[in-house]
Amino acid sequence: MNEAFEVRTVSPEETEALGRRLAALLPPGSVVALRGDLAAGKTCLVRGIAGRADRVAPVHSPTFTIVNEYPAEADGPSIVHVDLYRLTSIDEMADLGPEELFDPGDASRIVVVEWAERAEALLPALRVDIALEHAGHDRRRIAIRDHGVLPDGWPDALAAE
């Protein structure tokens, strides 16, 4: 629990591939909290988690709609993509129903939150925290910290190409 792992990617495609590997490890009901500056790769990672590369339904940062839901592929959970960039206070979260949105017991979906620091007090204790940083042109440094969600051996599974 609370285990950390760092990985570097050198392209948007590698960041998406990391998201796909992570998605394979996330149990239904997971909450993933993303942090990072603008253009740090958060949406690329979500695209990978959602299992899409703009083929079926494009994954875009839901900055103006705040929440997008991508239906389940096959028999898996849907992906709920939340972008809190526009929120100026935690009080604005009330309209989103954070108790239901961040309910780790809802096995029908996985919730991925961009700009998660804006709702820190509302996030469940059991979650995956991911910090993305620029590390040069198209390069990203991605720190992943598990808080009781991922299975044993998850760093090795994420490192596998």
N, C-alpha and C. Protein backbone atom coordinates (compact mmCIF):
# COMPACT_ATOMS: atom_id res chain seq x y z
N MET A 1 0.85 -1.18 0.00
CA MET A 1 0.00 0.00 0.00
C MET A 1 0.88 1.24 0.00
N ASN A 2 0.45 2.27 -0.70
CA ASN A 2 1.17 3.53 -0.81
C ASN A 2 2.54 3.35 -1.47
N GLU A 3 2.63 2.36 -2.33
CA GLU A 3 3.84 2.07 -3.06
C GLU A 3 3.95 3.04 -4.24
N ALA A 4 5.19 3.49 -4.56
CA ALA A 4 5.38 4.46 -5.64
C ALA A 4 6.28 3.88 -6.72
N PHE A 5 6.11 4.40 -7.93
CA PHE A 5 6.87 3.95 -9.09
C PHE A 5 6.99 5.13 -10.05
N GLU A 6 8.14 5.29 -10.68
CA GLU A 6 8.32 6.36 -11.66
C GLU A 6 8.68 5.76 -13.01
N VAL A 7 8.09 6.30 -14.04
CA VAL A 7 8.36 5.87 -15.41
C VAL A 7 8.51 7.12 -16.27
N ARG A 8 9.27 7.00 -17.34
CA ARG A 8 9.44 8.10 -18.29
C ARG A 8 8.92 7.64 -19.65
N THR A 9 8.25 8.54 -20.33
CA THR A 9 7.79 8.26 -21.69
C THR A 9 8.41 9.31 -22.61
N VAL A 10 8.56 8.95 -23.88
CA VAL A 10 9.23 9.85 -24.82
C VAL A 10 8.31 10.29 -25.96
N SER A 11 7.03 9.92 -25.88
CA SER A 11 6.09 10.33 -26.93
C SER A 11 4.67 10.20 -26.38
N PRO A 12 3.72 10.90 -27.02
CA PRO A 12 2.32 10.71 -26.62
C PRO A 12 1.88 9.25 -26.75
N GLU A 13 2.38 8.55 -27.76
CA GLU A 13 2.01 7.15 -27.95
C GLU A 13 2.48 6.29 -26.78
N GLU A 14 3.68 6.56 -26.26
CA GLU A 14 4.17 5.81 -25.10
C GLU A 14 3.34 6.12 -23.86
N THR A 15 2.91 7.38 -23.72
CA THR A 15 2.07 7.75 -22.57
C THR A 15 0.73 7.03 -22.67
N GLU A 16 0.15 6.96 -23.87
CA GLU A 16 -1.10 6.21 -24.06
C GLU A 16 -0.90 4.73 -23.76
N ALA A 17 0.22 4.17 -24.21
CA ALA A 17 0.50 2.75 -23.95
C ALA A 17 0.60 2.48 -22.45
N LEU A 18 1.21 3.40 -21.72
CA LEU A 18 1.26 3.28 -20.26
C LEU A 18 -0.15 3.27 -19.69
N GLY A 19 -1.01 4.14 -20.20
CA GLY A 19 -2.41 4.17 -19.76
C GLY A 19 -3.12 2.85 -20.02
N ARG A 20 -2.85 2.23 -21.17
CA ARG A 20 -3.47 0.93 -21.46
C ARG A 20 -2.98 -0.14 -20.48
N ARG A 21 -1.68 -0.13 -20.18
CA ARG A 21 -1.16 -1.11 -19.21
C ARG A 21 -1.77 -0.88 -17.83
N LEU A 22 -1.90 0.39 -17.44
CA LEU A 22 -2.50 0.72 -16.15
C LEU A 22 -3.96 0.27 -16.11
N ALA A 23 -4.69 0.51 -17.19
CA ALA A 23 -6.11 0.12 -17.24
C ALA A 23 -6.29 -1.38 -17.01
N ALA A 24 -5.36 -2.17 -17.50
CA ALA A 24 -5.45 -3.62 -17.33
C ALA A 24 -5.31 -4.03 -15.86
N LEU A 25 -4.74 -3.14 -15.04
CA LEU A 25 -4.52 -3.44 -13.62
C LEU A 25 -5.60 -2.85 -12.71
N LEU A 26 -6.34 -1.87 -13.21
CA LEU A 26 -7.32 -1.18 -12.38
C LEU A 26 -8.59 -2.00 -12.19
N PRO A 27 -8.94 -2.31 -10.96
CA PRO A 27 -10.21 -3.01 -10.75
C PRO A 27 -11.38 -2.04 -10.95
N PRO A 28 -12.55 -2.55 -11.34
CA PRO A 28 -13.73 -1.70 -11.43
C PRO A 28 -13.94 -0.98 -10.09
N GLY A 29 -14.38 0.26 -10.17
CA GLY A 29 -14.59 1.08 -8.97
C GLY A 29 -13.39 1.93 -8.62
N SER A 30 -12.28 1.79 -9.36
CA SER A 30 -11.07 2.56 -9.06
C SER A 30 -11.26 4.04 -9.32
N VAL A 31 -10.53 4.83 -8.55
CA VAL A 31 -10.42 6.27 -8.78
C VAL A 31 -8.95 6.56 -9.01
N VAL A 32 -8.67 7.27 -10.11
CA VAL A 32 -7.31 7.64 -10.47
C VAL A 32 -7.24 9.16 -10.46
N ALA A 33 -6.34 9.71 -9.65
CA ALA A 33 -6.20 11.16 -9.49
C ALA A 33 -4.95 11.63 -10.23
N LEU A 34 -5.16 12.47 -11.26
CA LEU A 34 -4.05 12.97 -12.08
C LEU A 34 -3.71 14.41 -11.70
N ARG A 35 -2.40 14.65 -11.64
CA ARG A 35 -1.90 16.00 -11.36
C ARG A 35 -0.82 16.31 -12.37
N GLY A 36 -0.73 17.57 -12.78
CA GLY A 36 0.31 17.99 -13.70
C GLY A 36 -0.06 19.29 -14.37
N ASP A 37 0.95 19.99 -14.85
CA ASP A 37 0.73 21.25 -15.53
C ASP A 37 -0.04 21.04 -16.82
N LEU A 38 -0.45 22.15 -17.43
CA LEU A 38 -1.07 22.10 -18.75
C LEU A 38 -0.15 21.37 -19.72
N ALA A 39 -0.73 20.52 -20.55
CA ALA A 39 -0.01 19.77 -21.58
C ALA A 39 1.04 18.82 -21.02
N ALA A 40 0.85 18.36 -19.80
CA ALA A 40 1.80 17.43 -19.18
C ALA A 40 1.55 15.98 -19.62
N GLY A 41 0.45 15.73 -20.33
CA GLY A 41 0.16 14.38 -20.81
C GLY A 41 -1.01 13.71 -20.11
N LYS A 42 -1.75 14.45 -19.30
CA LYS A 42 -2.87 13.85 -18.56
C LYS A 42 -3.90 13.24 -19.50
N THR A 43 -4.30 13.98 -20.52
CA THR A 43 -5.33 13.48 -21.44
C THR A 43 -4.80 12.32 -22.27
N CYS A 44 -3.52 12.33 -22.65
CA CYS A 44 -2.93 11.17 -23.35
C CYS A 44 -3.04 9.93 -22.48
N LEU A 45 -2.75 10.07 -21.20
CA LEU A 45 -2.85 8.94 -20.29
C LEU A 45 -4.29 8.45 -20.19
N VAL A 46 -5.24 9.38 -20.10
CA VAL A 46 -6.66 9.01 -20.04
C VAL A 46 -7.06 8.28 -21.32
N ARG A 47 -6.58 8.76 -22.46
CA ARG A 47 -6.90 8.11 -23.74
C ARG A 47 -6.47 6.63 -23.69
N GLY A 48 -5.30 6.39 -23.13
CA GLY A 48 -4.84 5.01 -22.99
C GLY A 48 -5.69 4.22 -22.02
N ILE A 49 -6.03 4.81 -20.88
CA ILE A 49 -6.87 4.13 -19.89
C ILE A 49 -8.22 3.78 -20.50
N ALA A 50 -8.74 4.70 -21.30
CA ALA A 50 -10.05 4.47 -21.93
C ALA A 50 -9.95 3.48 -23.08
N GLY A 51 -8.72 3.10 -23.46
CA GLY A 51 -8.56 2.12 -24.53
C GLY A 51 -8.87 2.66 -25.89
N ARG A 52 -8.71 3.98 -26.05
CA ARG A 52 -9.06 4.60 -27.32
C ARG A 52 -7.91 5.45 -27.82
N ALA A 53 -7.74 5.45 -29.10
CA ALA A 53 -6.78 6.35 -29.75
C ALA A 53 -7.54 7.09 -30.84
N ASP A 54 -8.62 7.72 -30.46
CA ASP A 54 -9.50 8.46 -31.37
C ASP A 54 -10.11 7.58 -32.46
N ARG A 55 -10.22 6.27 -32.20
CA ARG A 55 -10.78 5.37 -33.20
C ARG A 55 -12.29 5.24 -33.05
N VAL A 56 -12.77 5.06 -31.84
CA VAL A 56 -14.19 4.83 -31.62
C VAL A 56 -14.85 6.13 -31.19
N ALA A 57 -14.52 6.62 -30.05
CA ALA A 57 -15.01 7.91 -29.56
C ALA A 57 -13.78 8.66 -29.07
N PRO A 58 -13.47 9.79 -29.67
CA PRO A 58 -12.26 10.50 -29.26
C PRO A 58 -12.30 10.90 -27.79
N VAL A 59 -11.16 10.83 -27.15
CA VAL A 59 -11.02 11.26 -25.76
C VAL A 59 -10.42 12.65 -25.78
N HIS A 60 -11.18 13.60 -25.32
CA HIS A 60 -10.72 14.98 -25.21
C HIS A 60 -10.88 15.40 -23.76
N SER A 61 -10.05 16.33 -23.33
CA SER A 61 -10.19 16.82 -21.98
C SER A 61 -11.53 17.54 -21.85
N PRO A 62 -12.36 17.12 -20.91
CA PRO A 62 -13.70 17.71 -20.78
C PRO A 62 -13.70 19.02 -19.99
N THR A 63 -12.82 19.94 -20.38
CA THR A 63 -12.65 21.18 -19.64
C THR A 63 -13.96 21.95 -19.50
N PHE A 64 -14.77 22.00 -20.54
CA PHE A 64 -15.99 22.80 -20.47
C PHE A 64 -17.19 21.99 -20.00
N THR A 65 -17.21 20.70 -20.27
CA THR A 65 -18.32 19.87 -19.80
C THR A 65 -18.03 19.30 -18.41
N ILE A 66 -16.81 19.31 -17.99
CA ILE A 66 -16.29 18.82 -16.72
C ILE A 66 -16.27 17.29 -16.63
N VAL A 67 -17.31 16.61 -17.10
CA VAL A 67 -17.34 15.15 -17.01
C VAL A 67 -17.74 14.55 -18.36
N ASN A 68 -16.95 13.60 -18.84
CA ASN A 68 -17.29 12.78 -20.01
C ASN A 68 -17.28 11.34 -19.56
N GLU A 69 -18.21 10.56 -20.11
CA GLU A 69 -18.20 9.12 -19.82
C GLU A 69 -18.02 8.37 -21.12
N TYR A 70 -17.08 7.43 -21.10
CA TYR A 70 -16.82 6.59 -22.26
C TYR A 70 -17.35 5.21 -21.94
N PRO A 71 -18.26 4.69 -22.77
CA PRO A 71 -18.87 3.40 -22.47
C PRO A 71 -17.85 2.28 -22.41
N ALA A 72 -18.23 1.26 -21.70
CA ALA A 72 -17.37 0.09 -21.55
C ALA A 72 -17.13 -0.55 -22.91
N GLU A 73 -15.92 -1.04 -23.09
CA GLU A 73 -15.62 -1.86 -24.25
C GLU A 73 -15.70 -3.31 -23.77
N ALA A 74 -16.34 -4.14 -24.55
CA ALA A 74 -16.58 -5.53 -24.17
C ALA A 74 -17.39 -5.55 -22.87
N ASP A 75 -16.89 -6.26 -21.85
CA ASP A 75 -17.65 -6.36 -20.61
C ASP A 75 -16.99 -5.59 -19.47
N GLY A 76 -16.09 -4.67 -19.80
CA GLY A 76 -15.38 -3.92 -18.76
C GLY A 76 -16.18 -2.73 -18.26
N PRO A 77 -15.61 -2.03 -17.31
CA PRO A 77 -16.29 -0.85 -16.76
C PRO A 77 -16.19 0.34 -17.71
N SER A 78 -17.12 1.27 -17.59
CA SER A 78 -17.02 2.51 -18.36
C SER A 78 -15.92 3.37 -17.71
N ILE A 79 -15.45 4.35 -18.46
CA ILE A 79 -14.44 5.28 -17.95
C ILE A 79 -15.11 6.64 -17.80
N VAL A 80 -15.08 7.18 -16.60
CA VAL A 80 -15.60 8.52 -16.33
C VAL A 80 -14.40 9.45 -16.23
N HIS A 81 -14.33 10.40 -17.14
CA HIS A 81 -13.21 11.33 -17.25
C HIS A 81 -13.66 12.69 -16.71
N VAL A 82 -13.05 13.11 -15.62
CA VAL A 82 -13.43 14.35 -14.94
C VAL A 82 -12.27 15.34 -15.07
N ASP A 83 -12.57 16.57 -15.47
CA ASP A 83 -11.55 17.61 -15.59
C ASP A 83 -11.98 18.78 -14.70
N LEU A 84 -11.21 19.02 -13.64
CA LEU A 84 -11.57 20.05 -12.66
C LEU A 84 -10.85 21.38 -12.91
N TYR A 85 -10.24 21.55 -14.06
CA TYR A 85 -9.44 22.74 -14.36
C TYR A 85 -10.23 24.04 -14.13
N ARG A 86 -11.47 24.07 -14.55
CA ARG A 86 -12.26 25.31 -14.47
C ARG A 86 -12.80 25.60 -13.07
N LEU A 87 -12.74 24.65 -12.18
CA LEU A 87 -13.30 24.89 -10.85
C LEU A 87 -12.38 25.82 -10.05
N THR A 88 -13.00 26.74 -9.36
CA THR A 88 -12.22 27.69 -8.57
C THR A 88 -12.30 27.41 -7.07
N SER A 89 -13.26 26.58 -6.67
CA SER A 89 -13.35 26.21 -5.26
C SER A 89 -13.95 24.82 -5.14
N ILE A 90 -13.69 24.20 -4.03
CA ILE A 90 -14.21 22.85 -3.80
C ILE A 90 -15.74 22.88 -3.69
N ASP A 91 -16.31 24.02 -3.33
CA ASP A 91 -17.77 24.14 -3.23
C ASP A 91 -18.44 23.87 -4.57
N GLU A 92 -17.76 24.18 -5.67
CA GLU A 92 -18.33 23.95 -7.00
C GLU A 92 -18.48 22.46 -7.30
N MET A 93 -17.82 21.61 -6.54
CA MET A 93 -17.94 20.17 -6.73
C MET A 93 -19.31 19.65 -6.31
N ALA A 94 -20.03 20.39 -5.50
CA ALA A 94 -21.33 19.93 -4.99
C ALA A 94 -22.28 19.58 -6.13
N ASP A 95 -22.26 20.35 -7.22
CA ASP A 95 -23.14 20.08 -8.36
C ASP A 95 -22.81 18.77 -9.06
N LEU A 96 -21.59 18.29 -8.90
CA LEU A 96 -21.17 17.05 -9.56
C LEU A 96 -21.53 15.81 -8.74
N GLY A 97 -21.95 16.01 -7.50
CA GLY A 97 -22.27 14.86 -6.64
C GLY A 97 -21.04 14.04 -6.32
N PRO A 98 -20.05 14.62 -5.64
CA PRO A 98 -18.79 13.92 -5.42
C PRO A 98 -18.92 12.60 -4.65
N GLU A 99 -19.93 12.47 -3.80
CA GLU A 99 -20.09 11.22 -3.05
C GLU A 99 -20.34 10.07 -4.01
N GLU A 100 -21.15 10.33 -5.04
CA GLU A 100 -21.43 9.29 -6.03
C GLU A 100 -20.31 9.20 -7.07
N LEU A 101 -19.81 10.34 -7.50
CA LEU A 101 -18.78 10.38 -8.53
C LEU A 101 -17.52 9.64 -8.11
N PHE A 102 -17.09 9.85 -6.87
CA PHE A 102 -15.86 9.25 -6.38
C PHE A 102 -16.10 8.01 -5.52
N ASP A 103 -17.26 7.37 -5.70
CA ASP A 103 -17.61 6.18 -4.92
C ASP A 103 -16.79 4.98 -5.40
N PRO A 104 -15.80 4.53 -4.61
CA PRO A 104 -14.99 3.40 -5.04
C PRO A 104 -15.76 2.08 -5.06
N GLY A 105 -16.97 2.08 -4.56
CA GLY A 105 -17.78 0.86 -4.57
C GLY A 105 -18.59 0.68 -5.85
N ASP A 106 -18.55 1.66 -6.76
CA ASP A 106 -19.31 1.56 -8.00
C ASP A 106 -18.51 0.77 -9.03
N ALA A 107 -18.78 -0.51 -9.12
CA ALA A 107 -18.01 -1.41 -9.98
C ALA A 107 -18.36 -1.28 -11.46
N SER A 108 -19.26 -0.36 -11.80
CA SER A 108 -19.61 -0.21 -13.21
C SER A 108 -18.67 0.73 -13.95
N ARG A 109 -17.73 1.35 -13.21
CA ARG A 109 -16.88 2.35 -13.86
C ARG A 109 -15.54 2.53 -13.16
N ILE A 110 -14.66 3.20 -13.86
CA ILE A 110 -13.39 3.68 -13.33
C ILE A 110 -13.42 5.20 -13.53
N VAL A 111 -13.09 5.94 -12.50
CA VAL A 111 -13.12 7.40 -12.57
C VAL A 111 -11.69 7.92 -12.62
N VAL A 112 -11.41 8.75 -13.63
CA VAL A 112 -10.09 9.36 -13.79
C VAL A 112 -10.28 10.87 -13.70
N VAL A 113 -9.56 11.51 -12.77
CA VAL A 113 -9.76 12.93 -12.46
C VAL A 113 -8.52 13.73 -12.81
N GLU A 114 -8.66 14.66 -13.78
CA GLU A 114 -7.58 15.60 -14.07
C GLU A 114 -7.71 16.79 -13.13
N TRP A 115 -6.57 17.36 -12.74
CA TRP A 115 -6.51 18.47 -11.79
C TRP A 115 -7.12 18.04 -10.45
N ALA A 116 -6.78 16.84 -10.03
CA ALA A 116 -7.35 16.24 -8.82
C ALA A 116 -7.06 17.04 -7.56
N GLU A 117 -5.98 17.81 -7.58
CA GLU A 117 -5.64 18.60 -6.39
C GLU A 117 -6.75 19.58 -6.03
N ARG A 118 -7.64 19.89 -6.97
CA ARG A 118 -8.73 20.83 -6.71
C ARG A 118 -9.88 20.19 -5.94
N ALA A 119 -9.82 18.87 -5.77
CA ALA A 119 -10.85 18.15 -5.01
C ALA A 119 -10.22 17.20 -4.01
N GLU A 120 -9.01 17.49 -3.59
CA GLU A 120 -8.24 16.59 -2.72
C GLU A 120 -9.05 16.08 -1.54
N ALA A 121 -9.76 16.96 -0.87
CA ALA A 121 -10.50 16.57 0.34
C ALA A 121 -11.66 15.62 0.04
N LEU A 122 -12.09 15.55 -1.21
CA LEU A 122 -13.23 14.71 -1.58
C LEU A 122 -12.84 13.36 -2.17
N LEU A 123 -11.57 13.21 -2.49
CA LEU A 123 -11.12 11.96 -3.11
C LEU A 123 -11.09 10.84 -2.08
N PRO A 124 -11.39 9.62 -2.52
CA PRO A 124 -11.34 8.50 -1.58
C PRO A 124 -9.90 8.17 -1.19
N ALA A 125 -9.72 7.62 -0.02
CA ALA A 125 -8.38 7.23 0.43
C ALA A 125 -7.81 6.13 -0.45
N LEU A 126 -8.66 5.20 -0.89
CA LEU A 126 -8.22 4.14 -1.79
C LEU A 126 -8.28 4.68 -3.21
N ARG A 127 -7.09 4.93 -3.78
CA ARG A 127 -7.02 5.50 -5.12
C ARG A 127 -5.60 5.34 -5.65
N VAL A 128 -5.43 5.74 -6.89
CA VAL A 128 -4.11 5.79 -7.52
C VAL A 128 -3.83 7.25 -7.83
N ASP A 129 -2.70 7.77 -7.34
CA ASP A 129 -2.28 9.14 -7.62
C ASP A 129 -1.20 9.10 -8.70
N ILE A 130 -1.34 9.98 -9.69
CA ILE A 130 -0.35 10.05 -10.76
C ILE A 130 0.01 11.50 -10.99
N ALA A 131 1.32 11.79 -10.92
CA ALA A 131 1.83 13.13 -11.20
C ALA A 131 2.62 13.08 -12.50
N LEU A 132 2.27 13.94 -13.44
CA LEU A 132 2.94 13.99 -14.74
C LEU A 132 3.71 15.30 -14.83
N GLU A 133 4.94 15.22 -15.33
CA GLU A 133 5.79 16.41 -15.49
C GLU A 133 6.43 16.40 -16.86
N HIS A 134 6.62 17.60 -17.41
CA HIS A 134 7.39 17.75 -18.65
C HIS A 134 8.84 17.38 -18.35
N ALA A 135 9.48 16.67 -19.28
CA ALA A 135 10.90 16.32 -19.13
C ALA A 135 11.61 16.52 -20.47
N GLY A 136 11.22 17.56 -21.19
CA GLY A 136 11.78 17.83 -22.51
C GLY A 136 10.73 17.61 -23.57
N HIS A 137 11.07 17.87 -24.82
CA HIS A 137 10.12 17.75 -25.93
C HIS A 137 9.48 16.37 -25.97
N ASP A 138 8.16 16.33 -25.81
CA ASP A 138 7.35 15.11 -25.81
C ASP A 138 7.72 14.10 -24.72
N ARG A 139 8.69 14.41 -23.90
CA ARG A 139 9.10 13.50 -22.82
C ARG A 139 8.34 13.85 -21.54
N ARG A 140 7.98 12.80 -20.82
CA ARG A 140 7.25 12.98 -19.57
C ARG A 140 7.87 12.10 -18.49
N ARG A 141 7.87 12.64 -17.28
CA ARG A 141 8.23 11.88 -16.09
C ARG A 141 6.90 11.67 -15.36
N ILE A 142 6.58 10.41 -15.09
CA ILE A 142 5.28 10.06 -14.53
C ILE A 142 5.49 9.27 -13.25
N ALA A 143 5.05 9.85 -12.13
CA ALA A 143 5.17 9.21 -10.82
C ALA A 143 3.80 8.66 -10.44
N ILE A 144 3.77 7.36 -10.16
CA ILE A 144 2.51 6.68 -9.83
C ILE A 144 2.61 6.18 -8.40
N ARG A 145 1.62 6.53 -7.60
CA ARG A 145 1.58 6.10 -6.20
C ARG A 145 0.25 5.40 -5.96
N ASP A 146 0.35 4.15 -5.55
CA ASP A 146 -0.84 3.36 -5.27
C ASP A 146 -1.23 3.50 -3.80
N HIS A 147 -2.51 3.72 -3.57
CA HIS A 147 -3.05 3.80 -2.21
C HIS A 147 -4.07 2.67 -2.03
N GLY A 148 -3.58 1.42 -2.22
CA GLY A 148 -4.41 0.26 -1.93
C GLY A 148 -5.34 -0.20 -3.03
N VAL A 149 -5.09 0.17 -4.28
CA VAL A 149 -5.97 -0.20 -5.38
C VAL A 149 -5.36 -1.27 -6.28
N LEU A 150 -4.09 -1.11 -6.62
CA LEU A 150 -3.44 -1.96 -7.62
C LEU A 150 -2.99 -3.30 -7.02
N PRO A 151 -2.92 -4.33 -7.86
CA PRO A 151 -2.51 -5.66 -7.37
C PRO A 151 -1.01 -5.71 -7.10
N ASP A 152 -0.60 -6.70 -6.32
CA ASP A 152 0.83 -6.92 -6.08
C ASP A 152 1.55 -7.04 -7.41
N GLY A 153 2.77 -6.52 -7.47
CA GLY A 153 3.58 -6.62 -8.68
C GLY A 153 3.25 -5.59 -9.74
N TRP A 154 2.41 -4.60 -9.40
CA TRP A 154 1.99 -3.64 -10.42
C TRP A 154 3.15 -2.85 -11.04
N PRO A 155 4.21 -2.49 -10.30
CA PRO A 155 5.29 -1.75 -10.98
C PRO A 155 5.91 -2.55 -12.13
N ASP A 156 6.10 -3.84 -11.93
CA ASP A 156 6.66 -4.68 -13.00
C ASP A 156 5.73 -4.74 -14.21
N ALA A 157 4.43 -4.82 -13.95
CA ALA A 157 3.46 -4.86 -15.05
C ALA A 157 3.44 -3.56 -15.82
N LEU A 158 3.63 -2.42 -15.13
CA LEU A 158 3.65 -1.14 -15.83
C LEU A 158 4.95 -0.94 -16.60
N ALA A 159 6.04 -1.50 -16.09
CA ALA A 159 7.33 -1.33 -16.75
C ALA A 159 7.44 -2.19 -18.00
N ALA A 160 6.65 -3.25 -18.09
CA ALA A 160 6.72 -4.18 -19.24
C ALA A 160 6.29 -3.44 -20.50
N GLU A 161 7.02 -3.65 -21.55
CA GLU A 161 6.68 -3.01 -22.83
C GLU A 161 5.72 -3.88 -23.60
